[in-house]
Each structure stands twice: as structure tokens, then as C-alpha cells.
Amino acid sequence: MNVRHPLVCFVLLCAIAACVNLPPAAAQTQNIATLHKQAKEGNAEAQYELAKAYYTGTGVPKDSKQGLEWLRKSANQGHSGAEFALAILYRKGELKDPKQGLEWLTKSAGHGNSAAEYELALVYLKGEQNIARDPKQALEWLRKSASQNNAASEYQLGCMFRDGQDGVSRNPHEAALWFRKAARQQNDAAQSDLTQMLKKGVISKQEANWKAPEPLTKAPEPVTQAKTEKSKPFSLVEVEKGLQGGITCKRMASLVDKFKVDFSLNADIRQRLGKEGADDNLLATISASKRPL
């Protein structure tokens, strides 16, 4: 099988969907033995990272067959990044099975992968295969994706509100809000559209200023309720609120180790928590602490 096309797709996936850079080759080589050990023990995140290593030849010789094998193992455990990678390979790569691609895309979106949510929204906007065009569903998936700071979804929402399309009422002020969010993530089209809207006089200079911060909202309350031995595991929102409320990474890692979490650590969530100040130790603890449902 010619692996050039799926390899390109997967590299793009890692760069765009994961929104993180691969570590330097030397560091990756040092970690490859650890990844192998964790992957063989059934760690879905390690399996996903090992698949990336084999596809890109980072720390190991390129081997798309091994990469696909580890990718499937990770996806079969519900890892949203691996599910999305398989979706791309089936839908746009050499695997060529649109039906399976759509199934994996739906699974990944259902597990909270923002890139998958965006792609699924496009499916509902256009309609394909046995999926009828459904703008209402598309809007729902776009909002879910945008809530995770996905710039493509933010820009798409801006376009919908600007043009009043797909069942959305025209609202230049709402459009400007979404364009600003996308523009702050260096989305050139959003920056340009804000300039054009300002020139047309449909929004104010303040609304077009994507470089200025949005008005502050009420600060989230920290996690203050004491956990007991019978407490439920931490949700992603609770971990985020704890970090926002001033709980140190060391303390949060201790709490997570004790009470576990109810979510799997994927690339999107890793990025979200990283923005809240989560360090490598906390992320590693979370990755190993998902409590079985």
C-alpha cells in the first residue's frame, strides 16, 4: 500500500487537531521505551503517541503498519485523538472506507475531540452518504467545538451569524464576537472579515479590535467541597476550576491520584489543562487515573 497520502494526513492531523508540537527527536528517542511499555500495558494515550512515532519516524523507523496497529488499539479504548486519526485515514486517506470513517468521526466527536466536532458539523452542514443535511445539528457541534477554542469552528460560527445562513439569524455583533475569538488564534480570514465589517459600518471599532481582551467574566469558584472516600471522580470542569481557583499542580495531582478522574486525557484536554497551568506531572497523573465507569 502506498503510505504517502495517509502519512501526510496523519502528520497534518497531529499538527492541527492535537495543536501541539512533537518533542525533539532526542527526547522522543529516550521516551520510546517508556511508550512501548505503557502501550503494551494498555495505556491508550501511550498507544496513540506510539502510533504517531511510527507514522512520523520519530525515535523509531517509519512503519505505517505498526502505526496503524497501535492507532486501532488506542481508538478501541475510546481515545478521541486516535478515533479522529482513523476517521481521517478512512475518509481522506488510502484506507478508503467513508462509512467507517464517519463512524469513527462520530465516536471521536462524541468523546469531545474539538477537531472531530468541527468535521462532523461540516458533514451536517453539507450532508453526505446517509447523513441528511441538518443545520441545527451542525450548529450544535460547532458550538461544542468552539467552546474548546477551536479556531475553525469559531470562524464558521462568525460566518453563519454574519451572513444569516443555515437557520441562523443575521447578527453582525454575534459574528464579530466569534471572529474576534478566531482572530486571536491568528486566523487570518477572521482578522480580515472584522476589518471589512468595520469598513461597512456594521460593527464598531471596539468590536473589530481583536487584539483587545474580552470583558472579564465572573471568576470561577475554586473546588472547595471536600472529597470523601466515596466521592465521585473529578470531572474535567472540576480540575479546571481547581487550577483556576489557585490549587497548585502538586496538590491537584495528589487529589487526582486519590479520587481519580472520569475523563480520558486526549490532545484537546491536554491543551486545555496546559492553558490553565497544568504541569507534566499533573498531566501524567491524570492520564493514569481514569476511574472505570
C-alpha atoms as a PDB file:
ATOM      1  CA  MET A   1       0.000   0.000   0.000  1.00  0.00           C
ATOM      2  CA  ASN A   2       1.231   3.474  -0.849  1.00  0.00           C
ATOM      3  CA  VAL A   3       1.576   5.126   2.577  1.00  0.00           C
ATOM      4  CA  ARG A   4       2.468   8.626   1.409  1.00  0.00           C
ATOM      5  CA  HIS A   5      -1.055  10.020   1.455  1.00  0.00           C
ATOM      6  CA  PRO A   6      -2.203   8.631   4.817  1.00  0.00           C
ATOM      7  CA  LEU A   7       1.127   9.660   6.317  1.00  0.00           C
ATOM      8  CA  VAL A   8       0.568  13.237   5.149  1.00  0.00           C
ATOM      9  CA  CYS A   9      -2.960  13.158   6.549  1.00  0.00           C
ATOM     10  CA  PHE A  10      -1.743  11.865   9.879  1.00  0.00           C
ATOM     11  CA  VAL A  11       1.027  14.436  10.179  1.00  0.00           C
ATOM     12  CA  LEU A  12      -1.486  17.185   9.418  1.00  0.00           C
ATOM     13  CA  LEU A  13      -3.829  15.677  11.963  1.00  0.00           C
ATOM     14  CA  CYS A  14      -1.150  15.743  14.643  1.00  0.00           C
ATOM     15  CA  ALA A  15      -0.280  19.354  13.859  1.00  0.00           C
ATOM     16  CA  ILE A  16      -3.820  20.689  13.541  1.00  0.00           C
ATOM     17  CA  ALA A  17      -6.064  18.523  15.699  1.00  0.00           C
ATOM     18  CA  ALA A  18      -3.638  17.981  18.555  1.00  0.00           C
ATOM     19  CA  CYS A  19      -2.421  21.590  18.338  1.00  0.00           C
ATOM     20  CA  VAL A  20       0.862  20.597  19.886  1.00  0.00           C
ATOM     21  CA  ASN A  21       4.397  20.198  18.543  1.00  0.00           C
ATOM     22  CA  LEU A  22       6.144  16.853  18.583  1.00  0.00           C
ATOM     23  CA  PRO A  23       9.020  16.811  21.107  1.00  0.00           C
ATOM     24  CA  PRO A  24      12.613  16.899  19.840  1.00  0.00           C
ATOM     25  CA  ALA A  25      13.824  13.645  18.309  1.00  0.00           C
ATOM     26  CA  ALA A  26      16.411  13.022  21.057  1.00  0.00           C
ATOM     27  CA  ALA A  27      13.835  13.404  23.809  1.00  0.00           C
ATOM     28  CA  GLN A  28      11.378  11.224  21.873  1.00  0.00           C
ATOM     29  CA  THR A  29      14.026   8.516  21.490  1.00  0.00           C
ATOM     30  CA  GLN A  30      14.589   8.499  25.232  1.00  0.00           C
ATOM     31  CA  ASN A  31      10.863   8.125  25.812  1.00  0.00           C
ATOM     32  CA  ILE A  32      10.203   5.449  23.212  1.00  0.00           C
ATOM     33  CA  ALA A  33      10.988   2.562  25.559  1.00  0.00           C
ATOM     34  CA  THR A  34       8.633   4.020  28.141  1.00  0.00           C
ATOM     35  CA  LEU A  35       5.951   4.480  25.488  1.00  0.00           C
ATOM     36  CA  HIS A  36       6.307   0.856  24.397  1.00  0.00           C
ATOM     37  CA  LYS A  37       5.988  -0.357  27.970  1.00  0.00           C
ATOM     38  CA  GLN A  38       2.941   1.802  28.713  1.00  0.00           C
ATOM     39  CA  ALA A  39       1.320   0.965  25.373  1.00  0.00           C
ATOM     40  CA  LYS A  40       1.708  -2.775  25.942  1.00  0.00           C
ATOM     41  CA  GLU A  41       0.163  -2.302  29.392  1.00  0.00           C
ATOM     42  CA  GLY A  42      -2.913  -0.844  27.698  1.00  0.00           C
ATOM     43  CA  ASN A  43      -2.392   2.894  28.180  1.00  0.00           C
ATOM     44  CA  ALA A  44      -4.460   4.496  25.390  1.00  0.00           C
ATOM     45  CA  GLU A  45      -2.531   7.773  25.403  1.00  0.00           C
ATOM     46  CA  ALA A  46       0.782   5.926  25.107  1.00  0.00           C
ATOM     47  CA  GLN A  47      -0.620   3.816  22.267  1.00  0.00           C
ATOM     48  CA  TYR A  48      -1.649   6.992  20.458  1.00  0.00           C
ATOM     49  CA  GLU A  49       1.743   8.628  20.951  1.00  0.00           C
ATOM     50  CA  LEU A  50       3.485   5.451  19.810  1.00  0.00           C
ATOM     51  CA  ALA A  51       1.328   5.384  16.669  1.00  0.00           C
ATOM     52  CA  LYS A  52       2.400   8.971  15.940  1.00  0.00           C
ATOM     53  CA  ALA A  53       6.033   7.978  16.427  1.00  0.00           C
ATOM     54  CA  TYR A  54       5.781   5.125  13.935  1.00  0.00           C
ATOM     55  CA  TYR A  55       3.915   7.194  11.363  1.00  0.00           C
ATOM     56  CA  THR A  56       6.360  10.092  11.547  1.00  0.00           C
ATOM     57  CA  GLY A  57       9.540   8.098  12.187  1.00  0.00           C
ATOM     58  CA  THR A  58      10.235   9.998  15.388  1.00  0.00           C
ATOM     59  CA  GLY A  59      12.516   7.921  17.621  1.00  0.00           C
ATOM     60  CA  VAL A  60      11.753   4.767  15.599  1.00  0.00           C
ATOM     61  CA  PRO A  61      11.946   3.801  11.909  1.00  0.00           C
ATOM     62  CA  LYS A  62       8.830   4.770   9.954  1.00  0.00           C
ATOM     63  CA  ASP A  63       6.386   1.881   9.958  1.00  0.00           C
ATOM     64  CA  SER A  64       2.815   2.659   8.929  1.00  0.00           C
ATOM     65  CA  LYS A  65       1.698  -0.907   9.634  1.00  0.00           C
ATOM     66  CA  GLN A  66       2.797  -0.694  13.273  1.00  0.00           C
ATOM     67  CA  GLY A  67       1.455   2.843  13.460  1.00  0.00           C
ATOM     68  CA  LEU A  68      -1.985   1.729  12.307  1.00  0.00           C
ATOM     69  CA  GLU A  69      -1.944  -1.225  14.706  1.00  0.00           C
ATOM     70  CA  TRP A  70      -1.283   0.992  17.743  1.00  0.00           C
ATOM     71  CA  LEU A  71      -3.734   3.568  16.452  1.00  0.00           C
ATOM     72  CA  ARG A  72      -6.520   0.989  16.349  1.00  0.00           C
ATOM     73  CA  LYS A  73      -5.701  -0.241  19.843  1.00  0.00           C
ATOM     74  CA  SER A  74      -5.881   3.291  21.193  1.00  0.00           C
ATOM     75  CA  ALA A  75      -9.091   4.091  19.310  1.00  0.00           C
ATOM     76  CA  ASN A  76     -10.733   0.886  20.527  1.00  0.00           C
ATOM     77  CA  GLN A  77     -10.235   2.196  24.070  1.00  0.00           C
ATOM     78  CA  GLY A  78     -12.076   5.406  23.252  1.00  0.00           C
ATOM     79  CA  HIS A  79      -9.093   7.720  22.749  1.00  0.00           C
ATOM     80  CA  SER A  80     -10.660  10.596  20.820  1.00  0.00           C
ATOM     81  CA  GLY A  81      -7.438  11.601  19.071  1.00  0.00           C
ATOM     82  CA  ALA A  82      -6.889   8.081  17.763  1.00  0.00           C
ATOM     83  CA  GLU A  83     -10.547   7.857  16.737  1.00  0.00           C
ATOM     84  CA  PHE A  84     -10.211  11.090  14.790  1.00  0.00           C
ATOM     85  CA  ALA A  85      -6.978   9.901  13.157  1.00  0.00           C
ATOM     86  CA  LEU A  86      -8.731   6.747  11.956  1.00  0.00           C
ATOM     87  CA  ALA A  87     -11.639   8.838  10.718  1.00  0.00           C
ATOM     88  CA  ILE A  88      -9.269  10.927   8.597  1.00  0.00           C
ATOM     89  CA  LEU A  89      -7.480   7.861   7.229  1.00  0.00           C
ATOM     90  CA  TYR A  90     -10.779   6.216   6.285  1.00  0.00           C
ATOM     91  CA  ARG A  91     -12.368   9.360   4.880  1.00  0.00           C
ATOM     92  CA  LYS A  92      -9.426  11.056   3.179  1.00  0.00           C
ATOM     93  CA  GLY A  93      -6.545   8.578   3.187  1.00  0.00           C
ATOM     94  CA  GLU A  94      -5.689   5.327   1.453  1.00  0.00           C
ATOM     95  CA  LEU A  95      -7.943   3.185   3.652  1.00  0.00           C
ATOM     96  CA  LYS A  96     -10.910   4.472   1.630  1.00  0.00           C
ATOM     97  CA  ASP A  97     -13.967   3.447   3.635  1.00  0.00           C
ATOM     98  CA  PRO A  98     -16.205   6.506   4.104  1.00  0.00           C
ATOM     99  CA  LYS A  99     -18.747   4.579   6.161  1.00  0.00           C
ATOM    100  CA  GLN A 100     -16.168   3.505   8.751  1.00  0.00           C
ATOM    101  CA  GLY A 101     -14.663   6.972   8.592  1.00  0.00           C
ATOM    102  CA  LEU A 102     -17.980   8.535   9.528  1.00  0.00           C
ATOM    103  CA  GLU A 103     -18.423   6.036  12.372  1.00  0.00           C
ATOM    104  CA  TRP A 104     -15.015   6.905  13.841  1.00  0.00           C
ATOM    105  CA  LEU A 105     -15.646  10.605  13.311  1.00  0.00           C
ATOM    106  CA  THR A 106     -18.925  10.385  15.232  1.00  0.00           C
ATOM    107  CA  LYS A 107     -17.250   8.454  18.058  1.00  0.00           C
ATOM    108  CA  SER A 108     -14.443  10.985  18.325  1.00  0.00           C
ATOM    109  CA  ALA A 109     -16.842  13.924  18.349  1.00  0.00           C
ATOM    110  CA  GLY A 110     -18.935  12.165  20.977  1.00  0.00           C
ATOM    111  CA  HIS A 111     -15.811  11.876  23.128  1.00  0.00           C
ATOM    112  CA  GLY A 112     -15.183  15.618  22.942  1.00  0.00           C
ATOM    113  CA  ASN A 113     -12.500  15.960  20.270  1.00  0.00           C
ATOM    114  CA  SER A 114     -12.911  19.537  19.016  1.00  0.00           C
ATOM    115  CA  ALA A 115     -11.471  18.835  15.553  1.00  0.00           C
ATOM    116  CA  ALA A 116     -13.868  15.905  15.125  1.00  0.00           C
ATOM    117  CA  GLU A 117     -16.761  18.047  16.333  1.00  0.00           C
ATOM    118  CA  TYR A 118     -15.879  20.604  13.667  1.00  0.00           C
ATOM    119  CA  GLU A 119     -15.592  17.992  10.900  1.00  0.00           C
ATOM    120  CA  LEU A 120     -18.898  16.416  11.935  1.00  0.00           C
ATOM    121  CA  ALA A 121     -20.516  19.855  11.871  1.00  0.00           C
ATOM    122  CA  LEU A 122     -19.366  20.214   8.252  1.00  0.00           C
ATOM    123  CA  VAL A 123     -20.929  16.835   7.465  1.00  0.00           C
ATOM    124  CA  TYR A 124     -24.281  18.063   8.779  1.00  0.00           C
ATOM    125  CA  LEU A 125     -23.915  21.405   7.001  1.00  0.00           C
ATOM    126  CA  LYS A 126     -23.369  19.743   3.624  1.00  0.00           C
ATOM    127  CA  GLY A 127     -24.992  16.340   4.065  1.00  0.00           C
ATOM    128  CA  GLU A 128     -23.301  13.185   2.805  1.00  0.00           C
ATOM    129  CA  GLN A 129     -23.816   9.445   2.452  1.00  0.00           C
ATOM    130  CA  ASN A 130     -26.750   8.519   4.676  1.00  0.00           C
ATOM    131  CA  ILE A 131     -26.498  11.733   6.695  1.00  0.00           C
ATOM    132  CA  ALA A 132     -29.152  14.267   5.749  1.00  0.00           C
ATOM    133  CA  ARG A 133     -28.238  17.928   5.783  1.00  0.00           C
ATOM    134  CA  ASP A 134     -29.112  19.230   9.255  1.00  0.00           C
ATOM    135  CA  PRO A 135     -28.048  22.842  10.032  1.00  0.00           C
ATOM    136  CA  LYS A 136     -29.418  22.585  13.555  1.00  0.00           C
ATOM    137  CA  GLN A 137     -27.157  19.631  14.339  1.00  0.00           C
ATOM    138  CA  ALA A 138     -24.277  21.385  12.621  1.00  0.00           C
ATOM    139  CA  LEU A 139     -24.730  24.459  14.805  1.00  0.00           C
ATOM    140  CA  GLU A 140     -24.771  22.297  17.924  1.00  0.00           C
ATOM    141  CA  TRP A 141     -21.486  20.591  17.002  1.00  0.00           C
ATOM    142  CA  LEU A 142     -19.894  23.894  16.033  1.00  0.00           C
ATOM    143  CA  ARG A 143     -20.754  25.391  19.416  1.00  0.00           C
ATOM    144  CA  LYS A 144     -19.326  22.360  21.207  1.00  0.00           C
ATOM    145  CA  SER A 145     -16.127  22.628  19.215  1.00  0.00           C
ATOM    146  CA  ALA A 146     -15.866  26.390  19.630  1.00  0.00           C
ATOM    147  CA  SER A 147     -16.324  26.018  23.383  1.00  0.00           C
ATOM    148  CA  GLN A 148     -12.950  24.258  23.280  1.00  0.00           C
ATOM    149  CA  ASN A 149     -11.365  27.210  21.452  1.00  0.00           C
ATOM    150  CA  ASN A 150     -11.317  25.542  18.046  1.00  0.00           C
ATOM    151  CA  ALA A 151     -10.495  28.450  15.722  1.00  0.00           C
ATOM    152  CA  ALA A 152     -12.054  26.853  12.634  1.00  0.00           C
ATOM    153  CA  SER A 153     -15.378  26.431  14.446  1.00  0.00           C
ATOM    154  CA  GLU A 154     -15.224  29.942  15.843  1.00  0.00           C
ATOM    155  CA  TYR A 155     -14.684  31.301  12.333  1.00  0.00           C
ATOM    156  CA  GLN A 156     -17.501  29.182  10.876  1.00  0.00           C
ATOM    157  CA  LEU A 157     -19.902  30.451  13.533  1.00  0.00           C
ATOM    158  CA  GLY A 158     -18.836  34.003  12.713  1.00  0.00           C
ATOM    159  CA  CYS A 159     -19.651  33.439   9.042  1.00  0.00           C
ATOM    160  CA  MET A 160     -23.051  31.983   9.852  1.00  0.00           C
ATOM    161  CA  PHE A 161     -24.041  34.925  12.050  1.00  0.00           C
ATOM    162  CA  ARG A 162     -22.581  37.447   9.608  1.00  0.00           C
ATOM    163  CA  ASP A 163     -24.489  36.077   6.633  1.00  0.00           C
ATOM    164  CA  GLY A 164     -27.618  34.837   8.391  1.00  0.00           C
ATOM    165  CA  GLN A 165     -27.338  31.380   6.871  1.00  0.00           C
ATOM    166  CA  ASP A 166     -28.378  27.828   7.738  1.00  0.00           C
ATOM    167  CA  GLY A 167     -31.215  28.836  10.028  1.00  0.00           C
ATOM    168  CA  VAL A 168     -29.164  31.384  11.973  1.00  0.00           C
ATOM    169  CA  SER A 169     -30.481  34.940  12.137  1.00  0.00           C
ATOM    170  CA  ARG A 170     -28.098  37.576  10.854  1.00  0.00           C
ATOM    171  CA  ASN A 171     -26.326  39.204  13.782  1.00  0.00           C
ATOM    172  CA  PRO A 172     -23.155  41.174  12.984  1.00  0.00           C
ATOM    173  CA  HIS A 173     -22.386  41.707  16.664  1.00  0.00           C
ATOM    174  CA  GLU A 174     -22.507  37.980  17.416  1.00  0.00           C
ATOM    175  CA  ALA A 175     -20.482  37.373  14.270  1.00  0.00           C
ATOM    176  CA  ALA A 176     -17.841  39.843  15.431  1.00  0.00           C
ATOM    177  CA  LEU A 177     -17.625  38.067  18.784  1.00  0.00           C
ATOM    178  CA  TRP A 178     -16.773  34.746  17.116  1.00  0.00           C
ATOM    179  CA  PHE A 179     -14.455  36.389  14.597  1.00  0.00           C
ATOM    180  CA  ARG A 180     -12.517  38.018  17.444  1.00  0.00           C
ATOM    181  CA  LYS A 181     -12.084  34.671  19.159  1.00  0.00           C
ATOM    182  CA  ALA A 182     -10.751  33.121  15.948  1.00  0.00           C
ATOM    183  CA  ALA A 183      -8.629  36.175  15.148  1.00  0.00           C
ATOM    184  CA  ARG A 184      -6.836  35.907  18.490  1.00  0.00           C
ATOM    185  CA  GLN A 185      -5.707  32.471  17.349  1.00  0.00           C
ATOM    186  CA  GLN A 186      -4.139  34.071  14.279  1.00  0.00           C
ATOM    187  CA  ASN A 187      -6.971  33.155  11.923  1.00  0.00           C
ATOM    188  CA  ASP A 188      -6.216  35.497   9.018  1.00  0.00           C
ATOM    189  CA  ALA A 189      -9.690  35.243   7.494  1.00  0.00           C
ATOM    190  CA  ALA A 190     -11.323  36.284  10.769  1.00  0.00           C
ATOM    191  CA  GLN A 191      -8.995  39.259  11.100  1.00  0.00           C
ATOM    192  CA  SER A 192      -9.772  40.313   7.540  1.00  0.00           C
ATOM    193  CA  ASP A 193     -13.534  39.898   7.988  1.00  0.00           C
ATOM    194  CA  LEU A 194     -13.502  42.101  11.081  1.00  0.00           C
ATOM    195  CA  THR A 195     -11.743  44.815   9.084  1.00  0.00           C
ATOM    196  CA  GLN A 196     -14.289  44.544   6.272  1.00  0.00           C
ATOM    197  CA  MET A 197     -17.246  44.644   8.659  1.00  0.00           C
ATOM    198  CA  LEU A 198     -15.818  47.768  10.278  1.00  0.00           C
ATOM    199  CA  LYS A 199     -15.388  49.434   6.880  1.00  0.00           C
ATOM    200  CA  LYS A 200     -19.020  48.654   6.043  1.00  0.00           C
ATOM    201  CA  GLY A 201     -20.090  50.223   9.331  1.00  0.00           C
ATOM    202  CA  VAL A 202     -21.950  47.171  10.621  1.00  0.00           C
ATOM    203  CA  ILE A 203     -19.796  46.900  13.770  1.00  0.00           C
ATOM    204  CA  SER A 204     -17.990  49.399  15.949  1.00  0.00           C
ATOM    205  CA  LYS A 205     -14.242  49.974  16.128  1.00  0.00           C
ATOM    206  CA  GLN A 206     -14.246  48.336  19.549  1.00  0.00           C
ATOM    207  CA  GLU A 207     -15.998  45.248  18.173  1.00  0.00           C
ATOM    208  CA  ALA A 208     -13.429  44.981  15.391  1.00  0.00           C
ATOM    209  CA  ASN A 209     -10.473  45.193  17.769  1.00  0.00           C
ATOM    210  CA  TRP A 210      -9.498  41.553  18.162  1.00  0.00           C
ATOM    211  CA  LYS A 211      -6.255  42.475  19.914  1.00  0.00           C
ATOM    212  CA  ALA A 212      -8.097  43.811  22.969  1.00  0.00           C
ATOM    213  CA  PRO A 213      -9.162  41.279  25.620  1.00  0.00           C
ATOM    214  CA  GLU A 214     -12.812  40.418  26.002  1.00  0.00           C
ATOM    215  CA  PRO A 215     -14.572  41.909  29.042  1.00  0.00           C
ATOM    216  CA  LEU A 216     -13.827  39.839  32.097  1.00  0.00           C
ATOM    217  CA  THR A 217     -16.483  37.449  33.259  1.00  0.00           C
ATOM    218  CA  LYS A 218     -17.077  36.415  36.838  1.00  0.00           C
ATOM    219  CA  ALA A 219     -14.138  34.366  38.085  1.00  0.00           C
ATOM    220  CA  PRO A 220     -14.937  30.674  38.552  1.00  0.00           C
ATOM    221  CA  GLU A 221     -15.184  29.425  42.083  1.00  0.00           C
ATOM    222  CA  PRO A 222     -12.412  27.052  43.144  1.00  0.00           C
ATOM    223  CA  VAL A 223     -13.090  23.473  44.096  1.00  0.00           C
ATOM    224  CA  THR A 224     -13.770  23.832  47.801  1.00  0.00           C
ATOM    225  CA  GLN A 225     -16.039  20.946  48.644  1.00  0.00           C
ATOM    226  CA  ALA A 226     -14.085  18.258  50.449  1.00  0.00           C
ATOM    227  CA  LYS A 227     -13.857  14.885  48.780  1.00  0.00           C
ATOM    228  CA  THR A 228     -14.542  11.720  50.718  1.00  0.00           C
ATOM    229  CA  GLU A 229     -13.508   8.157  50.023  1.00  0.00           C
ATOM    230  CA  LYS A 230     -16.912   7.584  48.379  1.00  0.00           C
ATOM    231  CA  SER A 231     -16.763  10.760  46.312  1.00  0.00           C
ATOM    232  CA  LYS A 232     -17.167  10.620  42.586  1.00  0.00           C
ATOM    233  CA  PRO A 233     -14.015  11.034  40.490  1.00  0.00           C
ATOM    234  CA  PHE A 234     -13.087  14.528  39.372  1.00  0.00           C
ATOM    235  CA  SER A 235     -14.681  15.826  36.182  1.00  0.00           C
ATOM    236  CA  LEU A 236     -12.712  17.893  33.690  1.00  0.00           C
ATOM    237  CA  VAL A 237     -14.599  21.016  34.784  1.00  0.00           C
ATOM    238  CA  GLU A 238     -13.667  20.396  38.427  1.00  0.00           C
ATOM    239  CA  VAL A 239      -9.990  20.042  37.569  1.00  0.00           C
ATOM    240  CA  GLU A 240     -10.102  23.235  35.511  1.00  0.00           C
ATOM    241  CA  LYS A 241     -11.889  25.146  38.259  1.00  0.00           C
ATOM    242  CA  GLY A 242      -9.388  23.896  40.805  1.00  0.00           C
ATOM    243  CA  LEU A 243      -6.457  25.197  38.768  1.00  0.00           C
ATOM    244  CA  GLN A 244      -8.260  28.476  38.057  1.00  0.00           C
ATOM    245  CA  GLY A 245      -9.017  28.836  41.749  1.00  0.00           C
ATOM    246  CA  GLY A 246      -5.373  28.614  42.794  1.00  0.00           C
ATOM    247  CA  ILE A 247      -4.899  24.941  43.684  1.00  0.00           C
ATOM    248  CA  THR A 248      -1.289  24.020  42.931  1.00  0.00           C
ATOM    249  CA  CYS A 249      -0.433  21.337  40.400  1.00  0.00           C
ATOM    250  CA  LYS A 250       1.185  19.273  43.150  1.00  0.00           C
ATOM    251  CA  ARG A 251      -1.944  19.415  45.311  1.00  0.00           C
ATOM    252  CA  MET A 252      -4.240  18.706  42.364  1.00  0.00           C
ATOM    253  CA  ALA A 253      -2.102  15.741  41.331  1.00  0.00           C
ATOM    254  CA  SER A 254      -2.401  14.364  44.859  1.00  0.00           C
ATOM    255  CA  LEU A 255      -6.202  14.749  44.776  1.00  0.00           C
ATOM    256  CA  VAL A 256      -6.467  13.179  41.319  1.00  0.00           C
ATOM    257  CA  ASP A 257      -4.289  10.267  42.388  1.00  0.00           C
ATOM    258  CA  LYS A 258      -6.602   9.678  45.341  1.00  0.00           C
ATOM    259  CA  PHE A 259     -10.010  10.199  43.778  1.00  0.00           C
ATOM    260  CA  LYS A 260      -9.255   9.598  40.075  1.00  0.00           C
ATOM    261  CA  VAL A 261     -10.953  11.318  37.117  1.00  0.00           C
ATOM    262  CA  ASP A 262     -13.950  10.448  34.935  1.00  0.00           C
ATOM    263  CA  PHE A 263     -12.398  11.509  31.633  1.00  0.00           C
ATOM    264  CA  SER A 264      -9.574  10.345  29.372  1.00  0.00           C
ATOM    265  CA  LEU A 265      -6.670  12.661  28.683  1.00  0.00           C
ATOM    266  CA  ASN A 266      -6.559  13.394  24.955  1.00  0.00           C
ATOM    267  CA  ALA A 267      -4.702  16.039  22.977  1.00  0.00           C
ATOM    268  CA  ASP A 268      -7.510  18.624  23.254  1.00  0.00           C
ATOM    269  CA  ILE A 269      -7.896  18.204  27.005  1.00  0.00           C
ATOM    270  CA  ARG A 270      -4.116  18.223  27.459  1.00  0.00           C
ATOM    271  CA  GLN A 271      -4.040  21.588  25.690  1.00  0.00           C
ATOM    272  CA  ARG A 272      -6.958  22.969  27.735  1.00  0.00           C
ATOM    273  CA  LEU A 273      -5.382  21.990  31.046  1.00  0.00           C
ATOM    274  CA  GLY A 274      -1.999  23.242  29.889  1.00  0.00           C
ATOM    275  CA  LYS A 275      -3.526  26.668  29.355  1.00  0.00           C
ATOM    276  CA  GLU A 276      -4.718  26.561  32.973  1.00  0.00           C
ATOM    277  CA  GLY A 277      -1.167  25.853  34.157  1.00  0.00           C
ATOM    278  CA  ALA A 278      -1.170  22.052  34.448  1.00  0.00           C
ATOM    279  CA  ASP A 279       2.409  20.755  34.531  1.00  0.00           C
ATOM    280  CA  ASP A 280       3.757  17.467  33.128  1.00  0.00           C
ATOM    281  CA  ASN A 281       3.448  15.666  36.457  1.00  0.00           C
ATOM    282  CA  LEU A 282      -0.238  16.573  36.829  1.00  0.00           C
ATOM    283  CA  LEU A 283      -0.980  15.571  33.240  1.00  0.00           C
ATOM    284  CA  ALA A 284       0.799  12.237  33.724  1.00  0.00           C
ATOM    285  CA  THR A 285      -1.192  11.618  36.919  1.00  0.00           C
ATOM    286  CA  ILE A 286      -4.467  12.405  35.147  1.00  0.00           C
ATOM    287  CA  SER A 287      -3.536  10.112  32.242  1.00  0.00           C
ATOM    288  CA  ALA A 288      -3.057   7.193  34.647  1.00  0.00           C
ATOM    289  CA  SER A 289      -6.039   7.947  36.871  1.00  0.00           C
ATOM    290  CA  LYS A 290      -9.235   7.407  34.889  1.00  0.00           C
ATOM    291  CA  ARG A 291     -11.651   5.524  37.108  1.00  0.00           C
ATOM    292  CA  PRO A 292     -13.622   2.773  35.283  1.00  0.00           C
ATOM    293  CA  LEU A 293     -17.262   3.710  34.881  1.00  0.00           C
END
